[in-house]
Protein backbone atom coordinates (compact mmCIF):
# COMPACT_ATOMS: atom_id res chain seq x y z
CA UNK A 1 -24.19 35.15 -50.07
CA UNK A 2 -28.32 34.53 -49.81
CA UNK A 3 -28.55 32.41 -53.10
CA UNK A 4 -24.74 30.72 -52.89
CA UNK A 5 -26.03 29.45 -49.78
CA UNK A 6 -28.54 27.46 -51.90
CA UNK A 7 -26.94 26.56 -54.96
CA UNK A 8 -25.34 23.26 -56.17
CA UNK A 9 -23.28 25.08 -58.52
CA UNK A 10 -22.75 28.85 -60.37
CA UNK A 11 -21.78 30.80 -63.32
CA UNK A 12 -19.13 33.26 -62.63
CA UNK A 13 -19.54 36.08 -64.77
CA UNK A 14 -16.20 38.26 -66.17
CA UNK A 15 -15.78 41.00 -67.98
CA UNK A 16 -13.58 40.51 -71.35
CA UNK A 17 -11.83 43.93 -70.80
CA UNK A 18 -11.79 44.60 -66.79
CA UNK A 19 -11.48 40.69 -65.93
CA UNK A 20 -11.13 40.11 -62.13
CA UNK A 21 -12.43 43.37 -60.54
CA UNK A 22 -12.63 43.56 -56.41
CA UNK A 23 -16.25 42.31 -56.19
CA UNK A 24 -15.53 39.16 -58.32
CA UNK A 25 -12.82 38.52 -55.60
CA UNK A 26 -15.56 38.89 -52.97
CA UNK A 27 -17.81 36.66 -54.99
CA UNK A 28 -14.94 33.88 -55.22
CA UNK A 29 -14.51 33.99 -51.58
CA UNK A 30 -18.00 33.25 -51.17
CA UNK A 31 -18.40 30.88 -53.56
CA UNK A 32 -15.46 28.97 -51.60
CA UNK A 33 -17.59 29.52 -48.06
CA UNK A 34 -20.32 27.28 -49.07
CA UNK A 35 -18.05 25.08 -51.58
CA UNK A 36 -19.93 25.84 -54.95
CA UNK A 37 -18.38 24.50 -58.13
CA UNK A 38 -18.36 27.14 -60.69
CA UNK A 39 -17.90 27.31 -64.58
CA UNK A 40 -16.19 30.86 -66.02
CA UNK A 41 -18.16 33.02 -68.35
CA UNK A 42 -16.14 35.97 -70.31
CA UNK A 43 -18.87 38.22 -71.37
CA UNK A 44 -18.40 41.44 -73.30
CA UNK A 45 -16.42 39.78 -76.01
CA UNK A 46 -17.49 42.33 -78.51
CA UNK A 47 -16.21 45.31 -76.59
CA UNK A 48 -13.03 47.34 -77.56
CA UNK A 49 -10.32 45.47 -75.47
CA UNK A 50 -11.42 42.46 -75.12
CA UNK A 51 -8.93 39.77 -74.50
CA UNK A 52 -9.83 36.50 -73.14
CA UNK A 53 -6.35 35.15 -72.45
CA UNK A 54 -5.59 37.87 -70.13
CA UNK A 55 -8.58 37.49 -67.77
CA UNK A 56 -7.63 33.24 -67.58
CA UNK A 57 -4.02 34.42 -66.67
CA UNK A 58 -6.20 36.69 -63.98
CA UNK A 59 -8.37 33.82 -62.93
CA UNK A 60 -4.99 31.69 -61.91
CA UNK A 61 -3.05 34.24 -60.15
CA UNK A 62 -5.65 36.29 -58.54
CA UNK A 63 -8.38 33.79 -58.07
CA UNK A 64 -5.53 31.06 -57.88
CA UNK A 65 -7.70 28.69 -59.39
CA UNK A 66 -6.51 26.32 -62.41
CA UNK A 67 -8.33 27.18 -65.46
CA UNK A 68 -8.66 26.77 -68.98
CA UNK A 69 -10.44 27.45 -71.89
CA UNK A 70 -12.90 25.58 -73.44
CA UNK A 71 -13.50 27.71 -76.70
CA UNK A 72 -11.20 30.14 -78.68
CA UNK A 73 -13.58 33.30 -79.90
CA UNK A 74 -13.75 33.60 -83.91
CA UNK A 75 -12.70 37.25 -83.69
CA UNK A 76 -12.89 40.05 -80.80
CA UNK A 77 -14.02 43.55 -80.49
CA UNK A 78 -16.33 44.22 -83.15
CA UNK A 79 -14.99 41.37 -85.60
CA UNK A 80 -16.75 39.27 -82.93
CA UNK A 81 -18.40 35.98 -84.79
CA UNK A 82 -18.67 33.22 -82.74
CA UNK A 83 -16.37 30.82 -81.07
CA UNK A 84 -14.74 27.39 -81.67
CA UNK A 85 -15.18 24.44 -79.26
CA UNK A 86 -12.00 22.88 -78.60
CA UNK A 87 -13.51 19.70 -77.91
CA UNK A 88 -15.56 18.71 -80.50
CA UNK A 89 -13.23 20.86 -83.08
CA UNK A 90 -15.78 22.91 -84.74
CA UNK A 91 -17.18 26.69 -84.75
CA UNK A 92 -20.30 27.70 -83.26
CA UNK A 93 -22.14 30.62 -84.72
CA UNK A 94 -25.35 32.18 -83.61
CA UNK A 95 -27.74 33.74 -86.29
CA UNK A 96 -31.32 34.93 -86.01
CA UNK A 97 -32.95 37.82 -84.61
CA UNK A 98 -31.77 36.69 -80.82
CA UNK A 99 -28.85 34.19 -81.80
CA UNK A 100 -31.53 31.56 -81.52
CA UNK A 101 -30.28 29.78 -84.62
CA UNK A 102 -27.08 27.84 -83.56
CA UNK A 103 -24.87 27.31 -86.95
CA UNK A 104 -22.00 24.55 -86.84
CA UNK A 105 -19.46 24.92 -89.30
CA UNK A 106 -15.93 23.81 -89.97
CA UNK A 107 -12.89 25.79 -88.01
CA UNK A 108 -11.83 28.81 -90.07
CA UNK A 109 -8.18 28.24 -91.51
CA UNK A 110 -6.69 30.91 -89.64
CA UNK A 111 -7.64 29.72 -86.49
CA UNK A 112 -6.64 25.60 -86.61
CA UNK A 113 -3.31 26.79 -85.26
CA UNK A 114 -4.01 28.58 -82.09
CA UNK A 115 -7.30 25.90 -81.58
CA UNK A 116 -4.30 23.39 -81.26
CA UNK A 117 -2.45 25.01 -79.10
CA UNK A 118 -5.70 25.78 -76.75
CA UNK A 119 -6.27 22.23 -76.88
CA UNK A 120 -2.86 21.34 -75.73
CA UNK A 121 -2.85 23.82 -72.86
CA UNK A 122 -6.34 22.54 -71.88
CA UNK A 123 -4.92 18.56 -71.32
CA UNK A 124 -1.40 20.10 -69.93
CA UNK A 125 -3.93 21.88 -66.93
CA UNK A 126 -6.07 19.15 -66.64
CA UNK A 127 -3.09 16.49 -66.39
CA UNK A 128 -1.89 18.51 -63.13
CA UNK A 129 -5.67 18.17 -61.85
CA UNK A 130 -6.97 14.76 -62.97
CA UNK A 131 -5.11 11.92 -62.08
CA UNK A 132 -6.86 10.19 -65.35
CA UNK A 133 -5.86 12.50 -67.80
CA UNK A 134 -2.48 13.37 -66.21
CA UNK A 135 -1.62 9.30 -66.69
CA UNK A 136 -2.46 9.85 -70.43
CA UNK A 137 -0.22 13.02 -70.42
CA UNK A 138 3.15 10.97 -69.00
CA UNK A 139 2.38 8.37 -71.75
CA UNK A 140 1.88 9.95 -74.29
CA UNK A 141 -1.27 9.36 -75.12
CA UNK A 142 -3.99 11.80 -77.03
CA UNK A 143 -7.31 11.84 -74.53
CA UNK A 144 -10.69 11.21 -76.29
CA UNK A 145 -13.45 13.55 -76.14
CA UNK A 146 -15.15 11.54 -73.74
CA UNK A 147 -12.53 11.43 -71.24
CA UNK A 148 -11.61 15.22 -71.47
CA UNK A 149 -15.64 16.08 -71.15
CA UNK A 150 -15.47 13.50 -67.97
CA UNK A 151 -12.12 15.03 -66.29
CA UNK A 152 -13.51 18.42 -66.61
CA UNK A 153 -16.67 17.64 -64.94
CA UNK A 154 -14.71 15.80 -62.26
CA UNK A 155 -12.32 18.62 -62.05
CA UNK A 156 -15.13 21.48 -61.46
CA UNK A 157 -17.28 19.06 -58.90
CA UNK A 158 -14.15 18.84 -57.10
CA UNK A 159 -13.61 22.44 -56.97
CA UNK A 160 -9.70 21.98 -58.47
CA UNK A 161 -10.62 23.61 -61.75
CA UNK A 162 -12.90 25.97 -63.86
CA UNK A 163 -14.09 25.59 -67.15
CA UNK A 164 -13.79 28.93 -69.24
CA UNK A 165 -16.56 29.83 -71.90
CA UNK A 166 -16.94 33.22 -73.63
CA UNK A 167 -19.69 35.17 -75.53
CA UNK A 168 -21.61 38.15 -75.81
CA UNK A 169 -24.75 38.32 -73.94
CA UNK A 170 -26.14 41.33 -75.33
CA UNK A 171 -25.60 39.83 -78.78
CA UNK A 172 -27.00 36.28 -77.83
CA UNK A 173 -23.56 34.94 -78.81
CA UNK A 174 -22.00 32.05 -76.91
CA UNK A 175 -25.17 31.52 -74.62
CA UNK A 176 -26.61 28.33 -75.67
CA UNK A 177 -22.92 26.62 -75.39
CA UNK A 178 -22.87 28.30 -71.43
CA UNK A 179 -26.01 26.17 -70.54
CA UNK A 180 -24.88 23.29 -72.45
CA UNK A 181 -21.77 23.39 -70.04
CA UNK A 182 -23.98 23.88 -67.03
CA UNK A 183 -25.49 20.80 -68.01
CA UNK A 184 -22.56 18.79 -68.65
CA UNK A 185 -20.19 19.82 -65.92
CA UNK A 186 -21.72 20.96 -62.66
CA UNK A 187 -23.13 18.65 -60.33
CA UNK A 188 -26.70 17.01 -60.14
CA UNK A 189 -28.23 17.59 -56.40
CA UNK A 190 -27.30 14.01 -55.82
CA UNK A 191 -23.45 14.65 -56.22
CA UNK A 192 -23.30 17.41 -53.71
CA UNK A 193 -22.60 16.69 -49.78
CA UNK A 194 -25.18 18.72 -47.66
CA UNK A 195 -25.75 18.37 -43.74
CA UNK A 196 -28.08 19.04 -41.35
CA UNK A 197 -28.48 19.22 -37.38
CA UNK A 198 -30.52 17.25 -35.24
CA UNK A 199 -31.75 19.62 -32.62
CA UNK A 200 -32.76 17.33 -30.38
CA UNK A 201 -29.53 15.06 -30.27
CA UNK A 202 -27.00 18.06 -29.35
CA UNK A 203 -27.06 19.18 -32.86
CA UNK A 204 -25.21 16.05 -33.98
CA UNK A 205 -24.65 16.26 -38.00
CA UNK A 206 -27.02 14.47 -40.11
CA UNK A 207 -26.35 13.77 -43.85
CA UNK A 208 -29.06 15.45 -46.36
CA UNK A 209 -30.41 12.32 -48.02
CA UNK A 210 -31.32 14.37 -51.70
CA UNK A 211 -34.56 11.73 -52.78
CA UNK A 212 -38.30 12.36 -52.61
CA UNK A 213 -39.42 9.53 -50.84
CA UNK A 214 -37.45 10.81 -48.17
CA UNK A 215 -38.97 13.15 -44.81
CA UNK A 216 -39.37 16.50 -46.42
CA UNK A 217 -36.67 19.34 -44.92
CA UNK A 218 -36.38 22.99 -46.77
CA UNK A 219 -34.59 26.23 -45.99
CA UNK A 220 -36.12 29.41 -46.39
CA UNK A 221 -33.48 31.71 -48.10
CA UNK A 222 -35.14 34.71 -49.24
CA UNK A 223 -37.69 37.16 -48.51
CA UNK A 224 -39.81 39.52 -50.97
CA UNK A 225 -42.61 41.35 -50.63
CA UNK A 226 -44.32 40.86 -53.28
CA UNK A 227 -48.28 42.25 -54.32
CA UNK A 228 -49.61 39.01 -52.66
CA UNK A 229 -48.19 39.82 -49.10
CA UNK A 230 -45.07 37.96 -48.74
CA UNK A 231 -43.14 35.78 -51.14
CA UNK A 232 -40.49 33.03 -49.57
CA UNK A 233 -38.06 31.79 -51.94
CA UNK A 234 -37.35 27.83 -50.75
CA UNK A 235 -34.69 25.10 -51.51
CA UNK A 236 -36.09 21.57 -50.84
CA UNK A 237 -33.23 19.57 -49.70
CA UNK A 238 -35.11 16.40 -49.27
CA UNK A 239 -38.31 14.91 -49.67
CA UNK A 240 -40.92 16.76 -51.43
CA UNK A 241 -43.14 19.73 -50.97
CA UNK A 242 -46.77 19.61 -51.94
CA UNK A 243 -49.91 21.91 -52.26
CA UNK A 244 -52.07 21.59 -49.30
CA UNK A 245 -49.69 19.77 -47.25
CA UNK A 246 -48.90 21.14 -43.68
CA UNK A 247 -44.99 22.19 -42.95
CA UNK A 248 -43.60 22.51 -39.85
CA UNK A 249 -41.51 26.09 -38.84
CA UNK A 250 -38.78 24.35 -36.85
CA UNK A 251 -37.80 27.73 -34.98
CA UNK A 252 -41.23 28.71 -33.84
CA UNK A 253 -42.71 24.83 -34.08
CA UNK A 254 -45.99 26.01 -35.66
CA UNK A 255 -47.80 24.19 -38.42
CA UNK A 256 -48.06 26.39 -41.49
CA UNK A 257 -50.15 24.93 -44.41
CA UNK A 258 -49.06 25.65 -47.63
CA UNK A 259 -52.46 27.06 -49.79
CA UNK A 260 -49.57 27.84 -53.14
CA UNK A 261 -46.48 26.68 -54.41
CA UNK A 262 -45.10 28.34 -57.19
CA UNK A 263 -41.89 27.99 -59.57
CA UNK A 264 -40.22 31.20 -60.20
CA UNK A 265 -38.92 32.50 -63.71
CA UNK A 266 -37.30 35.77 -63.22
CA UNK A 267 -40.36 38.04 -62.67
CA UNK A 268 -43.04 35.48 -63.71
CA UNK A 269 -44.13 32.36 -62.06
CA UNK A 270 -45.82 29.03 -62.83
CA UNK A 271 -48.28 27.58 -60.22
CA UNK A 272 -46.93 23.89 -59.68
CA UNK A 273 -48.67 21.16 -57.35
CA UNK A 274 -45.47 19.71 -55.67
CA UNK A 275 -42.18 20.37 -56.08
CA UNK A 276 -39.07 17.37 -55.22
CA UNK A 277 -35.52 17.08 -53.64
CA UNK A 278 -32.96 19.63 -55.19
CA UNK A 279 -35.29 22.00 -56.22
CA UNK A 280 -36.35 25.76 -55.82
CA UNK A 281 -39.53 27.10 -54.92
CA UNK A 282 -41.43 29.93 -53.86
CA UNK A 283 -44.24 29.84 -51.03
CA UNK A 284 -46.93 33.02 -50.27
CA UNK A 285 -48.47 34.24 -46.71
CA UNK A 286 -46.26 32.17 -44.39
CA UNK A 287 -44.47 34.26 -41.69
CA UNK A 288 -40.96 33.84 -41.31
CA UNK A 289 -37.07 35.03 -41.44
CA UNK A 290 -34.29 34.53 -44.00
CA UNK A 291 -32.65 31.31 -42.54
CA UNK A 292 -35.21 29.39 -41.48
CA UNK A 293 -35.81 25.43 -41.59
CA UNK A 294 -39.03 23.94 -42.58
CA UNK A 295 -39.66 19.90 -42.15
CA UNK A 296 -42.86 17.80 -42.22
CA UNK A 297 -42.14 17.12 -38.26
CA UNK A 298 -38.96 16.30 -37.03
CA UNK A 299 -36.65 18.85 -35.42
CA UNK A 300 -34.01 19.40 -37.81
CA UNK A 301 -31.92 22.75 -38.85
CA UNK A 302 -29.77 23.50 -41.83
CA UNK A 303 -27.28 25.45 -40.85
CA UNK A 304 -27.98 29.06 -41.63
CA UNK A 305 -25.79 31.73 -43.82
CA UNK A 306 -23.38 33.43 -42.98
CA UNK A 307 -24.26 36.98 -41.79
CA UNK A 308 -21.12 39.79 -41.79
CA UNK A 309 -20.97 42.33 -39.32
CA UNK A 310 -22.72 45.66 -40.35
CA UNK A 311 -20.01 48.36 -41.06
CA UNK A 312 -21.89 51.47 -41.35
CA UNK A 313 -24.58 53.40 -38.85
CA UNK A 314 -26.98 56.23 -39.53
CA UNK A 315 -29.80 57.76 -37.28
CA UNK A 316 -32.83 58.03 -38.95
CA UNK A 317 -36.28 60.55 -38.02
CA UNK A 318 -39.16 60.10 -39.75
CA UNK A 319 -40.69 63.63 -40.48
CA UNK A 320 -43.88 63.06 -39.22
CA UNK A 321 -43.71 61.65 -35.56
CA UNK A 322 -45.64 58.37 -34.74
CA UNK A 323 -45.90 56.98 -38.15
CA UNK A 324 -47.14 53.62 -37.83
CA UNK A 325 -45.31 52.79 -41.07
CA UNK A 326 -41.96 53.91 -39.79
CA UNK A 327 -41.79 50.92 -37.38
CA UNK A 328 -43.86 48.67 -39.66
CA UNK A 329 -41.17 49.19 -42.53
CA UNK A 330 -38.35 48.41 -40.28
CA UNK A 331 -39.73 45.41 -39.14
CA UNK A 332 -40.02 44.23 -42.36
CA UNK A 333 -36.68 44.79 -43.90
CA UNK A 334 -34.90 43.51 -40.61
CA UNK A 335 -36.39 40.18 -41.84
CA UNK A 336 -36.04 40.20 -45.43
CA UNK A 337 -32.61 40.99 -45.07
CA UNK A 338 -30.16 39.74 -42.17
CA UNK A 339 -27.64 42.17 -42.73
CA UNK A 340 -30.00 45.28 -41.89
CA UNK A 341 -29.72 46.21 -38.06
CA UNK A 342 -31.86 48.20 -36.30
CA UNK A 343 -31.50 49.13 -32.38
CA UNK A 344 -32.50 52.61 -30.57
CA UNK A 345 -29.49 54.21 -28.52
CA UNK A 346 -30.06 54.06 -25.28
CA UNK A 347 -28.60 57.73 -24.42
CA UNK A 348 -29.71 59.49 -27.27
CA UNK A 349 -33.09 57.57 -28.06
CA UNK A 350 -32.43 57.67 -31.61
CA UNK A 351 -33.32 55.02 -34.03
CA UNK A 352 -30.51 53.41 -35.51
CA UNK A 353 -29.96 51.64 -38.81
CA UNK A 354 -26.86 49.79 -39.80
CA UNK A 355 -25.77 48.05 -42.84
CA UNK A 356 -23.26 46.86 -45.48
CA UNK A 357 -22.25 50.27 -46.99
CA UNK A 358 -23.79 53.72 -47.67
CA UNK A 359 -25.88 52.70 -50.90
CA UNK A 360 -27.12 49.53 -48.81
CA UNK A 361 -29.16 52.30 -46.48
CA UNK A 362 -29.69 54.34 -48.72
CA UNK A 363 -31.98 52.20 -50.73
CA UNK A 364 -33.65 51.44 -47.35
CA UNK A 365 -34.51 55.01 -46.91
CA UNK A 366 -35.89 55.12 -50.26
CA UNK A 367 -37.77 52.15 -50.25
CA UNK A 368 -39.58 53.54 -47.16
CA UNK A 369 -40.47 56.90 -48.93
CA UNK A 370 -41.76 54.83 -52.02
CA UNK A 371 -43.23 51.51 -50.74
CA UNK A 372 -44.53 53.28 -46.99
CA UNK A 373 -44.74 57.04 -47.79
CA UNK A 374 -42.88 57.70 -44.53
CA UNK A 375 -39.93 60.91 -45.66
CA UNK A 376 -37.25 60.92 -43.18
């Protein structure tokens, strides 16, 4: 929910055996809520029972999204070797210890027919969702590779189509082609329409200008307690954020100094001096909650994320009475996670925690024990 609120595009990962599962449908609903265009990636092509055709049918029927493959697998299950790119009509193999050597070759003879069939299917699906390909299809003309790339991009950004790629992440096959597709078909920050609300002007909607020479507007979408205190992830929507400048916290009206700015690479971080519009960065030592807006002094606010109502509640009692860490932990978890709620029942005087499921609450009880030494 938090990530999709700030992303301009995403890769939906499906399993080549079990396909569209219940959680896939949930994530699909979240992507639609925030209008996020997607590329679909069928993973685990090396598993027994891998069947990409069946999965593409499931995307069309269960997710009701027109889809077509851009690749044909070379072999399947144990014999999965690589993929054939339908558009450029060449085979792609991954060699080397971690698949870092991408080797291009001609299409294996036994696959020529199925590659041609897949290409025809791709053109016919695109003809239904894209006007330019539709006209060529009616006139029986063959679209060029450039026209097909452009049509896939237009239809993906318009969210009327999803291109399907395949591979095996654990065997390092098909990942570089997926990254190429991310660059080629998903939108740039300037091609996505975002709005913000002008608080002083009856919350009038304004368009966000995703350029670095505009006034700064950013959204804190995720908090994490790190070893240096609170780490706040921010998506910069317009303007620049520079180290040493002051940012205005719209909700509290306070000014905060940006003392350290980092770019995150999974679990490692890189210090940077400034980040521009469309980028995601992280800040240290800033007091805010998930979904807060920061600006350079204007009172604009990004719309916050959708927070579902909790579905399960537990009564929670610490084994040691009057432990200061108990309330400290609960306060921090609430700030970090908007779906985690705490209240005190007026009649029984018990502390009640509510969340999205049994596992959700179990994890917080476990984190209290591990991070705060509070047994409950």
